[in-house]
Amino acid sequence: MKYYIEIATINKAKRDIDEICRLEGYTNLTRHNFGESGVGRFLTKLFAVGNILASLKKGDTLVLQYPMKKFYKTACRLARAKGANVVTIIHDLGAFRRKKLTPAQENRRLALTDYLIVHNPTMRDYLLQHGFKGGIHCLQIFDYLSEKSPAQYPTPHTPRKVVYAGNLGRWRNEFLYKLDGCVKDYSIDLYGKGFDEAQNRCKQMHYHGFISSDDFISRVEADFGIVWDGDSTTECTGAWGEYLKINNPHKTSFYLRAAVPVIVWSKAAMAPFVKENNLGLVVDSIEQIEERLAALTNEEYAQMKEAATAMSKRLADGYHFKAGISGADEYLANKKQ
């Protein structure tokens, strides 16, 4: 039997993993919801972890999402005590960005799992260098479930139309307030919360407020979506910029689910995947976007758009996580032999 513990959260990536597990026939150990308060969430997870003892048997598989506050080590140890295998999908590494753990401490936690599903080869290599000994699968990109179909519109636009969506607060995206002079022959449409319109000095940038993710997928028209973080236009800086070097931003999946090709930083861990699959442009700086757009032919763009449209369908189907759990099944089956 295969099991998972549902993560009660607003986090889209985690909710999608739960849904894919459900669709793939995994049994949910989270059978009681005690509410959204801190105590309620604690009790919900406590009872779910307790169900490991009542439900799992030797040879079963338990899928966990990491980090799992307070209960991850307990869930792994209980599953192993029952003779079951543990498959962990990583969303965030505490030792890398938040620095709440040392690499050694995090490795001791992850050593309790039999198989890891990680973001990309960079994250895989980082974990192997810090001592992980189990099986590893690279997700490559997070899936993005939605019943909506991408908007249909003529592309490319003249001038080119670029979109940026997400948290627009200065604490994370100070670069948005430094685009005057960087953006000349294309426009940028902003979607999200936290943008200070009074501080916008870029005439080519237009703020449209917040819309739901489903509405974005089905309504927004753009030639490219920018994946960028930090306070600089010359590179992705600060803690968020550093983390781009090892993680897969969900924003990339969001744009591609809308069949919008992406523009990513050349040092981001996603850059090789974008290049290999012709899903957009890889740039060293925001300033470089202007010349790259000018040099791009309509035929080249059409190929990127076609690749993004095909990727949208894979993301909607949960293709990448399904490949991860399929790889786990094969690894665990071989391990038994």
C-alpha atoms as a PDB file:
ATOM      1  CA  MET A   1       0.000   0.000   0.000  1.00  0.00           C
ATOM      2  CA  LYS A   2       1.011   3.600  -0.590  1.00  0.00           C
ATOM      3  CA  TYR A   3       0.257   6.456   1.795  1.00  0.00           C
ATOM      4  CA  TYR A   4       0.760  10.193   2.159  1.00  0.00           C
ATOM      5  CA  ILE A   5       0.142  12.809   4.827  1.00  0.00           C
ATOM      6  CA  GLU A   6      -1.886  15.702   3.479  1.00  0.00           C
ATOM      7  CA  ILE A   7      -0.377  19.120   4.139  1.00  0.00           C
ATOM      8  CA  ALA A   8      -3.104  21.604   5.113  1.00  0.00           C
ATOM      9  CA  THR A   9      -1.612  24.771   3.631  1.00  0.00           C
ATOM     10  CA  ILE A  10      -2.225  27.608   1.198  1.00  0.00           C
ATOM     11  CA  ASN A  11       1.047  26.686  -0.534  1.00  0.00           C
ATOM     12  CA  LYS A  12       0.104  25.772  -4.110  1.00  0.00           C
ATOM     13  CA  ALA A  13       3.062  23.448  -4.755  1.00  0.00           C
ATOM     14  CA  LYS A  14       2.342  21.391  -1.628  1.00  0.00           C
ATOM     15  CA  ARG A  15      -1.380  21.204  -2.350  1.00  0.00           C
ATOM     16  CA  ASP A  16      -0.640  19.957  -5.858  1.00  0.00           C
ATOM     17  CA  ILE A  17       1.581  17.182  -4.480  1.00  0.00           C
ATOM     18  CA  ASP A  18      -1.267  16.121  -2.192  1.00  0.00           C
ATOM     19  CA  GLU A  19      -3.688  16.101  -5.124  1.00  0.00           C
ATOM     20  CA  ILE A  20      -1.376  14.070  -7.371  1.00  0.00           C
ATOM     21  CA  CYS A  21      -0.909  11.520  -4.590  1.00  0.00           C
ATOM     22  CA  ARG A  22      -4.687  11.264  -4.269  1.00  0.00           C
ATOM     23  CA  LEU A  23      -5.161  10.867  -8.015  1.00  0.00           C
ATOM     24  CA  GLU A  24      -2.463   8.175  -8.101  1.00  0.00           C
ATOM     25  CA  GLY A  25      -4.347   6.124  -5.528  1.00  0.00           C
ATOM     26  CA  TYR A  26      -2.307   6.877  -2.405  1.00  0.00           C
ATOM     27  CA  THR A  27      -4.202   6.665   0.911  1.00  0.00           C
ATOM     28  CA  ASN A  28      -4.332   9.867   2.947  1.00  0.00           C
ATOM     29  CA  LEU A  29      -3.344   9.421   6.604  1.00  0.00           C
ATOM     30  CA  THR A  30      -4.757  12.870   7.453  1.00  0.00           C
ATOM     31  CA  ARG A  31      -8.255  11.770   8.339  1.00  0.00           C
ATOM     32  CA  HIS A  32      -9.264  14.455  10.845  1.00  0.00           C
ATOM     33  CA  ASN A  33      -8.989  18.231  10.447  1.00  0.00           C
ATOM     34  CA  PHE A  34      -8.955  20.060  13.765  1.00  0.00           C
ATOM     35  CA  GLY A  35      -9.088  23.573  12.262  1.00  0.00           C
ATOM     36  CA  GLU A  36      -6.704  26.236  10.996  1.00  0.00           C
ATOM     37  CA  SER A  37      -5.505  27.563  14.358  1.00  0.00           C
ATOM     38  CA  GLY A  38      -1.979  26.731  15.476  1.00  0.00           C
ATOM     39  CA  VAL A  39      -3.310  24.143  17.912  1.00  0.00           C
ATOM     40  CA  GLY A  40      -5.679  22.781  15.250  1.00  0.00           C
ATOM     41  CA  ARG A  41      -2.913  22.269  12.694  1.00  0.00           C
ATOM     42  CA  PHE A  42      -0.723  20.663  15.360  1.00  0.00           C
ATOM     43  CA  LEU A  43      -3.436  18.175  16.277  1.00  0.00           C
ATOM     44  CA  THR A  44      -4.218  17.432  12.617  1.00  0.00           C
ATOM     45  CA  LYS A  45      -0.596  16.469  11.933  1.00  0.00           C
ATOM     46  CA  LEU A  46      -0.256  14.644  15.253  1.00  0.00           C
ATOM     47  CA  PHE A  47      -3.188  12.360  14.486  1.00  0.00           C
ATOM     48  CA  ALA A  48      -1.995  11.857  10.893  1.00  0.00           C
ATOM     49  CA  VAL A  49       1.444  10.780  12.098  1.00  0.00           C
ATOM     50  CA  GLY A  50      -0.217   8.544  14.684  1.00  0.00           C
ATOM     51  CA  ASN A  51      -2.076   6.780  11.878  1.00  0.00           C
ATOM     52  CA  ILE A  52       1.278   5.498  10.630  1.00  0.00           C
ATOM     53  CA  LEU A  53       1.303   2.979  13.464  1.00  0.00           C
ATOM     54  CA  ALA A  54      -2.254   1.879  12.773  1.00  0.00           C
ATOM     55  CA  SER A  55      -2.046   1.676   8.968  1.00  0.00           C
ATOM     56  CA  LEU A  56       1.433   0.969   7.588  1.00  0.00           C
ATOM     57  CA  LYS A  57       2.831  -2.516   7.147  1.00  0.00           C
ATOM     58  CA  LYS A  58       6.140  -3.947   6.024  1.00  0.00           C
ATOM     59  CA  GLY A  59       6.900  -3.028   2.425  1.00  0.00           C
ATOM     60  CA  ASP A  60       4.435  -0.114   2.290  1.00  0.00           C
ATOM     61  CA  THR A  61       5.501   3.344   1.080  1.00  0.00           C
ATOM     62  CA  LEU A  62       4.894   6.691   2.780  1.00  0.00           C
ATOM     63  CA  VAL A  63       5.301   9.977   0.864  1.00  0.00           C
ATOM     64  CA  LEU A  64       6.237  12.999   2.972  1.00  0.00           C
ATOM     65  CA  GLN A  65       6.731  16.644   2.031  1.00  0.00           C
ATOM     66  CA  TYR A  66       9.760  18.413   3.513  1.00  0.00           C
ATOM     67  CA  PRO A  67       9.996  20.519   5.570  1.00  0.00           C
ATOM     68  CA  MET A  68       7.284  19.102   7.796  1.00  0.00           C
ATOM     69  CA  LYS A  69       7.367  21.101  10.991  1.00  0.00           C
ATOM     70  CA  LYS A  70       7.859  19.165  14.225  1.00  0.00           C
ATOM     71  CA  PHE A  71       6.841  15.779  12.889  1.00  0.00           C
ATOM     72  CA  TYR A  72       9.163  14.834  10.040  1.00  0.00           C
ATOM     73  CA  LYS A  73      11.664  12.787  12.063  1.00  0.00           C
ATOM     74  CA  THR A  74       8.887  11.133  14.045  1.00  0.00           C
ATOM     75  CA  ALA A  75       6.968  10.174  10.871  1.00  0.00           C
ATOM     76  CA  CYS A  76      10.100   8.679   9.287  1.00  0.00           C
ATOM     77  CA  ARG A  77      11.029   6.697  12.389  1.00  0.00           C
ATOM     78  CA  LEU A  78       7.514   5.339  12.874  1.00  0.00           C
ATOM     79  CA  ALA A  79       7.315   4.276   9.215  1.00  0.00           C
ATOM     80  CA  ARG A  80      10.673   2.519   9.440  1.00  0.00           C
ATOM     81  CA  ALA A  81       9.642   0.839  12.689  1.00  0.00           C
ATOM     82  CA  LYS A  82       6.710  -0.647  10.756  1.00  0.00           C
ATOM     83  CA  GLY A  83       9.046  -1.845   8.000  1.00  0.00           C
ATOM     84  CA  ALA A  84       7.770   0.725   5.486  1.00  0.00           C
ATOM     85  CA  ASN A  85       9.758   2.876   3.056  1.00  0.00           C
ATOM     86  CA  VAL A  86       9.787   6.684   3.101  1.00  0.00           C
ATOM     87  CA  VAL A  87       9.851   8.874  -0.010  1.00  0.00           C
ATOM     88  CA  THR A  88      10.432  12.584   0.624  1.00  0.00           C
ATOM     89  CA  ILE A  89       9.862  15.461  -1.780  1.00  0.00           C
ATOM     90  CA  ILE A  90      11.827  18.566  -0.836  1.00  0.00           C
ATOM     91  CA  HIS A  91      10.296  22.032  -1.093  1.00  0.00           C
ATOM     92  CA  ASP A  92      12.810  23.995   0.949  1.00  0.00           C
ATOM     93  CA  LEU A  93      16.197  23.360   2.559  1.00  0.00           C
ATOM     94  CA  GLY A  94      16.493  24.945   5.995  1.00  0.00           C
ATOM     95  CA  ALA A  95      20.287  24.847   5.927  1.00  0.00           C
ATOM     96  CA  PHE A  96      20.609  26.675   2.617  1.00  0.00           C
ATOM     97  CA  ARG A  97      18.333  29.719   2.744  1.00  0.00           C
ATOM     98  CA  ARG A  98      16.925  30.215   6.234  1.00  0.00           C
ATOM     99  CA  LYS A  99      20.078  28.878   7.916  1.00  0.00           C
ATOM    100  CA  LYS A 100      17.951  27.406  10.718  1.00  0.00           C
ATOM    101  CA  LEU A 101      19.878  24.155  10.422  1.00  0.00           C
ATOM    102  CA  THR A 102      23.457  23.310   9.644  1.00  0.00           C
ATOM    103  CA  PRO A 103      24.016  21.060   6.602  1.00  0.00           C
ATOM    104  CA  ALA A 104      25.001  18.266   9.006  1.00  0.00           C
ATOM    105  CA  GLN A 105      21.786  18.640  11.020  1.00  0.00           C
ATOM    106  CA  GLU A 106      19.663  18.633   7.882  1.00  0.00           C
ATOM    107  CA  ASN A 107      21.469  15.626   6.490  1.00  0.00           C
ATOM    108  CA  ARG A 108      20.743  13.688   9.699  1.00  0.00           C
ATOM    109  CA  ARG A 109      17.055  14.409   9.160  1.00  0.00           C
ATOM    110  CA  LEU A 110      17.066  13.465   5.503  1.00  0.00           C
ATOM    111  CA  ALA A 111      19.049  10.294   6.240  1.00  0.00           C
ATOM    112  CA  LEU A 112      15.798   8.958   7.719  1.00  0.00           C
ATOM    113  CA  THR A 113      14.234   8.745   4.253  1.00  0.00           C
ATOM    114  CA  ASP A 114      14.889   6.054   1.663  1.00  0.00           C
ATOM    115  CA  TYR A 115      14.397   8.193  -1.427  1.00  0.00           C
ATOM    116  CA  LEU A 116      14.502  11.916  -2.129  1.00  0.00           C
ATOM    117  CA  ILE A 117      12.738  13.844  -4.874  1.00  0.00           C
ATOM    118  CA  VAL A 118      14.749  17.067  -5.205  1.00  0.00           C
ATOM    119  CA  HIS A 119      14.382  20.150  -7.383  1.00  0.00           C
ATOM    120  CA  ASN A 120      17.267  19.790  -9.830  1.00  0.00           C
ATOM    121  CA  PRO A 121      20.814  18.434 -10.355  1.00  0.00           C
ATOM    122  CA  THR A 122      22.327  21.357  -8.406  1.00  0.00           C
ATOM    123  CA  MET A 123      20.282  20.493  -5.311  1.00  0.00           C
ATOM    124  CA  ARG A 124      21.041  16.801  -5.805  1.00  0.00           C
ATOM    125  CA  ASP A 125      24.788  17.445  -5.919  1.00  0.00           C
ATOM    126  CA  TYR A 126      24.590  19.692  -2.849  1.00  0.00           C
ATOM    127  CA  LEU A 127      22.868  16.965  -0.819  1.00  0.00           C
ATOM    128  CA  LEU A 128      25.241  14.246  -2.015  1.00  0.00           C
ATOM    129  CA  GLN A 129      28.223  16.424  -1.102  1.00  0.00           C
ATOM    130  CA  HIS A 130      26.792  16.742   2.407  1.00  0.00           C
ATOM    131  CA  GLY A 131      26.450  13.006   2.844  1.00  0.00           C
ATOM    132  CA  PHE A 132      23.048  11.794   1.650  1.00  0.00           C
ATOM    133  CA  LYS A 133      23.261   8.072   0.838  1.00  0.00           C
ATOM    134  CA  GLY A 134      19.782   7.094  -0.452  1.00  0.00           C
ATOM    135  CA  GLY A 135      18.159   7.248  -3.870  1.00  0.00           C
ATOM    136  CA  ILE A 136      17.579  10.640  -5.514  1.00  0.00           C
ATOM    137  CA  HIS A 137      15.364  11.808  -8.365  1.00  0.00           C
ATOM    138  CA  CYS A 138      15.514  15.306  -9.897  1.00  0.00           C
ATOM    139  CA  LEU A 139      12.052  16.782 -10.384  1.00  0.00           C
ATOM    140  CA  GLN A 140      13.400  19.381 -12.910  1.00  0.00           C
ATOM    141  CA  ILE A 141      10.303  21.574 -12.499  1.00  0.00           C
ATOM    142  CA  PHE A 142       7.277  21.627 -10.194  1.00  0.00           C
ATOM    143  CA  ASP A 143       3.973  20.657 -11.732  1.00  0.00           C
ATOM    144  CA  TYR A 144       1.095  23.142 -11.688  1.00  0.00           C
ATOM    145  CA  LEU A 145      -2.430  21.745 -11.533  1.00  0.00           C
ATOM    146  CA  SER A 146      -5.303  23.824 -12.898  1.00  0.00           C
ATOM    147  CA  GLU A 147      -8.393  23.045 -14.929  1.00  0.00           C
ATOM    148  CA  LYS A 148      -8.015  26.296 -16.852  1.00  0.00           C
ATOM    149  CA  SER A 149      -6.667  26.437 -20.402  1.00  0.00           C
ATOM    150  CA  PRO A 150      -4.080  29.064 -21.391  1.00  0.00           C
ATOM    151  CA  ALA A 151      -5.397  32.186 -23.082  1.00  0.00           C
ATOM    152  CA  GLN A 152      -5.302  32.183 -26.891  1.00  0.00           C
ATOM    153  CA  TYR A 153      -3.892  35.301 -28.583  1.00  0.00           C
ATOM    154  CA  PRO A 154      -1.585  36.276 -31.455  1.00  0.00           C
ATOM    155  CA  THR A 155       2.120  36.258 -30.585  1.00  0.00           C
ATOM    156  CA  PRO A 156       4.587  37.791 -30.449  1.00  0.00           C
ATOM    157  CA  HIS A 157       3.337  41.266 -29.604  1.00  0.00           C
ATOM    158  CA  THR A 158       4.796  44.424 -31.097  1.00  0.00           C
ATOM    159  CA  PRO A 159       6.447  45.737 -29.011  1.00  0.00           C
ATOM    160  CA  ARG A 160       7.202  42.631 -26.970  1.00  0.00           C
ATOM    161  CA  LYS A 161       5.042  42.173 -23.880  1.00  0.00           C
ATOM    162  CA  VAL A 162       6.639  40.827 -20.685  1.00  0.00           C
ATOM    163  CA  VAL A 163       4.859  39.943 -17.437  1.00  0.00           C
ATOM    164  CA  TYR A 164       5.951  39.728 -13.798  1.00  0.00           C
ATOM    165  CA  ALA A 165       3.630  38.163 -11.223  1.00  0.00           C
ATOM    166  CA  GLY A 166       3.892  37.414  -7.512  1.00  0.00           C
ATOM    167  CA  ASN A 167       4.772  39.223  -4.313  1.00  0.00           C
ATOM    168  CA  LEU A 168       5.689  42.743  -5.408  1.00  0.00           C
ATOM    169  CA  GLY A 169       6.904  44.062  -2.041  1.00  0.00           C
ATOM    170  CA  ARG A 170      10.200  45.936  -2.027  1.00  0.00           C
ATOM    171  CA  TRP A 171      11.627  43.582   0.615  1.00  0.00           C
ATOM    172  CA  ARG A 172      11.827  40.909  -2.085  1.00  0.00           C
ATOM    173  CA  ASN A 173      11.653  42.740  -5.426  1.00  0.00           C
ATOM    174  CA  GLU A 174      13.416  46.054  -5.060  1.00  0.00           C
ATOM    175  CA  PHE A 175      14.666  45.659  -8.647  1.00  0.00           C
ATOM    176  CA  LEU A 176      11.162  46.530  -9.901  1.00  0.00           C
ATOM    177  CA  TYR A 177      11.746  50.121  -8.792  1.00  0.00           C
ATOM    178  CA  LYS A 178      15.009  50.377 -10.747  1.00  0.00           C
ATOM    179  CA  LEU A 179      13.781  49.587 -14.251  1.00  0.00           C
ATOM    180  CA  ASP A 180      13.616  53.140 -15.564  1.00  0.00           C
ATOM    181  CA  GLY A 181      16.238  53.204 -18.319  1.00  0.00           C
ATOM    182  CA  CYS A 182      16.468  49.401 -18.493  1.00  0.00           C
ATOM    183  CA  VAL A 183      13.142  48.962 -20.274  1.00  0.00           C
ATOM    184  CA  LYS A 184      12.703  50.847 -23.534  1.00  0.00           C
ATOM    185  CA  ASP A 185      11.406  48.794 -26.430  1.00  0.00           C
ATOM    186  CA  TYR A 186       9.165  46.378 -24.542  1.00  0.00           C
ATOM    187  CA  SER A 187       6.514  46.668 -21.839  1.00  0.00           C
ATOM    188  CA  ILE A 188       6.162  45.004 -18.436  1.00  0.00           C
ATOM    189  CA  ASP A 189       2.779  44.125 -16.899  1.00  0.00           C
ATOM    190  CA  LEU A 190       2.773  43.552 -13.131  1.00  0.00           C
ATOM    191  CA  TYR A 191       0.281  41.314 -11.298  1.00  0.00           C
ATOM    192  CA  GLY A 192       0.226  40.818  -7.554  1.00  0.00           C
ATOM    193  CA  LYS A 193       0.120  42.564  -4.200  1.00  0.00           C
ATOM    194  CA  GLY A 194       2.430  45.037  -2.512  1.00  0.00           C
ATOM    195  CA  PHE A 195       3.539  47.254  -5.402  1.00  0.00           C
ATOM    196  CA  ASP A 196       4.064  50.929  -4.552  1.00  0.00           C
ATOM    197  CA  GLU A 197       2.726  52.646  -7.675  1.00  0.00           C
ATOM    198  CA  ALA A 198       3.811  56.071  -6.428  1.00  0.00           C
ATOM    199  CA  GLN A 199       7.441  54.951  -6.656  1.00  0.00           C
ATOM    200  CA  ASN A 200       7.191  53.636 -10.219  1.00  0.00           C
ATOM    201  CA  ARG A 201       9.434  55.663 -12.553  1.00  0.00           C
ATOM    202  CA  CYS A 202       9.301  53.281 -15.518  1.00  0.00           C
ATOM    203  CA  LYS A 203       6.786  54.429 -18.149  1.00  0.00           C
ATOM    204  CA  GLN A 204       6.811  51.007 -19.817  1.00  0.00           C
ATOM    205  CA  MET A 205       5.716  49.239 -16.608  1.00  0.00           C
ATOM    206  CA  HIS A 206       1.992  48.872 -15.856  1.00  0.00           C
ATOM    207  CA  TYR A 207       0.474  47.581 -12.616  1.00  0.00           C
ATOM    208  CA  HIS A 208      -2.764  45.584 -12.875  1.00  0.00           C
ATOM    209  CA  GLY A 209      -3.263  44.541  -9.256  1.00  0.00           C
ATOM    210  CA  PHE A 210      -3.935  41.043  -8.003  1.00  0.00           C
ATOM    211  CA  ILE A 211      -5.777  38.354  -9.958  1.00  0.00           C
ATOM    212  CA  SER A 212      -6.221  34.680  -9.100  1.00  0.00           C
ATOM    213  CA  SER A 213      -3.815  32.147 -10.555  1.00  0.00           C
ATOM    214  CA  ASP A 214      -6.590  30.544 -12.611  1.00  0.00           C
ATOM    215  CA  ASP A 215      -7.552  33.920 -14.065  1.00  0.00           C
ATOM    216  CA  PHE A 216      -3.910  34.599 -14.893  1.00  0.00           C
ATOM    217  CA  ILE A 217      -3.649  31.307 -16.770  1.00  0.00           C
ATOM    218  CA  SER A 218      -6.844  31.830 -18.755  1.00  0.00           C
ATOM    219  CA  ARG A 219      -6.724  35.595 -19.359  1.00  0.00           C
ATOM    220  CA  VAL A 220      -3.249  37.152 -19.295  1.00  0.00           C
ATOM    221  CA  GLU A 221      -1.525  37.838 -22.608  1.00  0.00           C
ATOM    222  CA  ALA A 222       2.270  38.033 -22.653  1.00  0.00           C
ATOM    223  CA  ASP A 223       5.279  36.973 -24.697  1.00  0.00           C
ATOM    224  CA  PHE A 224       7.503  36.196 -21.689  1.00  0.00           C
ATOM    225  CA  GLY A 225       7.358  35.950 -17.910  1.00  0.00           C
ATOM    226  CA  ILE A 226      10.338  37.133 -15.832  1.00  0.00           C
ATOM    227  CA  VAL A 227      11.700  34.987 -12.999  1.00  0.00           C
ATOM    228  CA  TRP A 228      13.840  37.355 -10.918  1.00  0.00           C
ATOM    229  CA  ASP A 229      14.448  38.261  -7.270  1.00  0.00           C
ATOM    230  CA  GLY A 230      16.461  40.781  -5.275  1.00  0.00           C
ATOM    231  CA  ASP A 231      17.351  44.448  -5.286  1.00  0.00           C
ATOM    232  CA  SER A 232      19.523  44.606  -8.411  1.00  0.00           C
ATOM    233  CA  THR A 233      18.927  44.587 -12.164  1.00  0.00           C
ATOM    234  CA  THR A 234      22.445  43.307 -12.888  1.00  0.00           C
ATOM    235  CA  GLU A 235      21.998  39.983 -11.025  1.00  0.00           C
ATOM    236  CA  CYS A 236      19.704  38.260  -8.553  1.00  0.00           C
ATOM    237  CA  THR A 237      21.030  39.352  -5.169  1.00  0.00           C
ATOM    238  CA  GLY A 238      20.527  38.651  -1.481  1.00  0.00           C
ATOM    239  CA  ALA A 239      19.160  35.497   0.145  1.00  0.00           C
ATOM    240  CA  TRP A 240      16.487  35.062  -2.543  1.00  0.00           C
ATOM    241  CA  GLY A 241      19.051  35.418  -5.312  1.00  0.00           C
ATOM    242  CA  GLU A 242      21.343  32.872  -3.678  1.00  0.00           C
ATOM    243  CA  TYR A 243      18.462  30.439  -3.325  1.00  0.00           C
ATOM    244  CA  LEU A 244      17.680  30.714  -7.052  1.00  0.00           C
ATOM    245  CA  LYS A 245      21.041  28.996  -7.583  1.00  0.00           C
ATOM    246  CA  ILE A 246      19.707  25.770  -6.060  1.00  0.00           C
ATOM    247  CA  ASN A 247      15.882  25.776  -6.115  1.00  0.00           C
ATOM    248  CA  ASN A 248      13.058  25.651  -8.654  1.00  0.00           C
ATOM    249  CA  PRO A 249      10.886  28.764  -8.242  1.00  0.00           C
ATOM    250  CA  HIS A 250       7.199  27.929  -8.501  1.00  0.00           C
ATOM    251  CA  LYS A 251       6.841  31.132 -10.531  1.00  0.00           C
ATOM    252  CA  THR A 252       8.547  29.376 -13.451  1.00  0.00           C
ATOM    253  CA  SER A 253       5.884  26.657 -13.413  1.00  0.00           C
ATOM    254  CA  PHE A 254       3.159  29.310 -13.117  1.00  0.00           C
ATOM    255  CA  TYR A 255       4.204  31.141 -16.288  1.00  0.00           C
ATOM    256  CA  LEU A 256       4.700  27.950 -18.249  1.00  0.00           C
ATOM    257  CA  ARG A 257       1.330  26.604 -17.098  1.00  0.00           C
ATOM    258  CA  ALA A 258      -0.076  29.722 -18.814  1.00  0.00           C
ATOM    259  CA  ALA A 259       1.976  28.683 -21.887  1.00  0.00           C
ATOM    260  CA  VAL A 260       4.143  31.808 -21.485  1.00  0.00           C
ATOM    261  CA  PRO A 261       7.886  31.307 -22.194  1.00  0.00           C
ATOM    262  CA  VAL A 262      10.174  32.489 -19.408  1.00  0.00           C
ATOM    263  CA  ILE A 263      13.180  34.756 -18.898  1.00  0.00           C
ATOM    264  CA  VAL A 264      15.512  33.419 -16.198  1.00  0.00           C
ATOM    265  CA  TRP A 265      18.837  34.415 -14.663  1.00  0.00           C
ATOM    266  CA  SER A 266      21.852  32.649 -16.188  1.00  0.00           C
ATOM    267  CA  LYS A 267      23.106  31.532 -12.735  1.00  0.00           C
ATOM    268  CA  ALA A 268      19.738  30.137 -11.641  1.00  0.00           C
ATOM    269  CA  ALA A 269      19.446  26.381 -11.197  1.00  0.00           C
ATOM    270  CA  MET A 270      16.506  26.465 -13.647  1.00  0.00           C
ATOM    271  CA  ALA A 271      18.627  27.935 -16.465  1.00  0.00           C
ATOM    272  CA  PRO A 272      19.892  24.602 -17.911  1.00  0.00           C
ATOM    273  CA  PHE A 273      16.350  23.173 -17.968  1.00  0.00           C
ATOM    274  CA  VAL A 274      15.015  26.278 -19.745  1.00  0.00           C
ATOM    275  CA  LYS A 275      17.827  26.104 -22.317  1.00  0.00           C
ATOM    276  CA  GLU A 276      17.571  22.377 -22.967  1.00  0.00           C
ATOM    277  CA  ASN A 277      13.814  22.530 -23.490  1.00  0.00           C
ATOM    278  CA  ASN A 278      13.793  25.855 -25.415  1.00  0.00           C
ATOM    279  CA  LEU A 279      11.360  27.345 -22.907  1.00  0.00           C
ATOM    280  CA  GLY A 280      12.591  30.915 -23.059  1.00  0.00           C
ATOM    281  CA  LEU A 281      15.605  33.183 -22.635  1.00  0.00           C
ATOM    282  CA  VAL A 282      18.532  32.937 -20.219  1.00  0.00           C
ATOM    283  CA  VAL A 283      20.073  36.340 -19.382  1.00  0.00           C
ATOM    284  CA  ASP A 284      22.874  37.652 -17.190  1.00  0.00           C
ATOM    285  CA  SER A 285      20.976  40.811 -16.238  1.00  0.00           C
ATOM    286  CA  ILE A 286      17.695  42.667 -16.701  1.00  0.00           C
ATOM    287  CA  GLU A 287      19.574  45.097 -18.951  1.00  0.00           C
ATOM    288  CA  GLN A 288      20.329  42.229 -21.346  1.00  0.00           C
ATOM    289  CA  ILE A 289      16.640  41.506 -21.978  1.00  0.00           C
ATOM    290  CA  GLU A 290      16.334  44.440 -24.400  1.00  0.00           C
ATOM    291  CA  GLU A 291      18.980  43.151 -26.812  1.00  0.00           C
ATOM    292  CA  ARG A 292      17.865  39.521 -26.523  1.00  0.00           C
ATOM    293  CA  LEU A 293      14.288  40.425 -27.436  1.00  0.00           C
ATOM    294  CA  ALA A 294      15.479  42.561 -30.341  1.00  0.00           C
ATOM    295  CA  ALA A 295      17.588  39.691 -31.717  1.00  0.00           C
ATOM    296  CA  LEU A 296      14.831  37.093 -31.380  1.00  0.00           C
ATOM    297  CA  THR A 297      13.138  36.209 -34.678  1.00  0.00           C
ATOM    298  CA  ASN A 298       9.432  35.430 -34.934  1.00  0.00           C
ATOM    299  CA  GLU A 299      10.310  31.864 -35.968  1.00  0.00           C
ATOM    300  CA  GLU A 300      12.525  31.392 -32.898  1.00  0.00           C
ATOM    301  CA  TYR A 301       9.804  32.772 -30.664  1.00  0.00           C
ATOM    302  CA  ALA A 302       7.187  30.489 -32.244  1.00  0.00           C
ATOM    303  CA  GLN A 303       9.346  27.492 -31.310  1.00  0.00           C
ATOM    304  CA  MET A 304       9.583  28.715 -27.709  1.00  0.00           C
ATOM    305  CA  LYS A 305       5.842  29.264 -27.561  1.00  0.00           C
ATOM    306  CA  GLU A 306       5.218  25.764 -28.881  1.00  0.00           C
ATOM    307  CA  ALA A 307       7.572  24.307 -26.263  1.00  0.00           C
ATOM    308  CA  ALA A 308       5.865  26.308 -23.485  1.00  0.00           C
ATOM    309  CA  THR A 309       2.438  25.118 -24.647  1.00  0.00           C
ATOM    310  CA  ALA A 310       3.574  21.487 -24.588  1.00  0.00           C
ATOM    311  CA  MET A 311       5.098  22.008 -21.124  1.00  0.00           C
ATOM    312  CA  SER A 312       1.821  23.530 -19.889  1.00  0.00           C
ATOM    313  CA  LYS A 313       0.066  20.241 -20.633  1.00  0.00           C
ATOM    314  CA  ARG A 314       2.691  18.229 -18.767  1.00  0.00           C
ATOM    315  CA  LEU A 315       2.502  20.497 -15.737  1.00  0.00           C
ATOM    316  CA  ALA A 316      -1.292  20.226 -15.698  1.00  0.00           C
ATOM    317  CA  ASP A 317      -1.035  16.428 -15.694  1.00  0.00           C
ATOM    318  CA  GLY A 318       1.441  16.196 -12.808  1.00  0.00           C
ATOM    319  CA  TYR A 319       3.962  14.579 -15.150  1.00  0.00           C
ATOM    320  CA  HIS A 320       7.120  15.465 -13.222  1.00  0.00           C
ATOM    321  CA  PHE A 321       6.041  14.359  -9.746  1.00  0.00           C
ATOM    322  CA  LYS A 322       4.545  11.178 -11.216  1.00  0.00           C
ATOM    323  CA  ALA A 323       7.959  10.474 -12.760  1.00  0.00           C
ATOM    324  CA  GLY A 324       9.504  11.039  -9.330  1.00  0.00           C
ATOM    325  CA  ILE A 325       7.306   8.539  -7.507  1.00  0.00           C
ATOM    326  CA  SER A 326       7.701   6.076 -10.385  1.00  0.00           C
ATOM    327  CA  GLY A 327      11.462   6.376  -9.953  1.00  0.00           C
ATOM    328  CA  ALA A 328      11.032   5.784  -6.230  1.00  0.00           C
ATOM    329  CA  ASP A 329       9.014   2.622  -6.882  1.00  0.00           C
ATOM    330  CA  GLU A 330      11.720   1.270  -9.178  1.00  0.00           C
ATOM    331  CA  TYR A 331      14.521   2.142  -6.723  1.00  0.00           C
ATOM    332  CA  LEU A 332      12.747   0.557  -3.753  1.00  0.00           C
ATOM    333  CA  ALA A 333      11.884  -2.565  -5.758  1.00  0.00           C
ATOM    334  CA  ASN A 334      15.532  -3.017  -6.757  1.00  0.00           C
ATOM    335  CA  LYS A 335      16.630  -2.364  -3.175  1.00  0.00           C
ATOM    336  CA  LYS A 336      14.612  -5.372  -1.993  1.00  0.00           C
ATOM    337  CA  GLN A 337      16.383  -7.729  -4.385  1.00  0.00           C
END
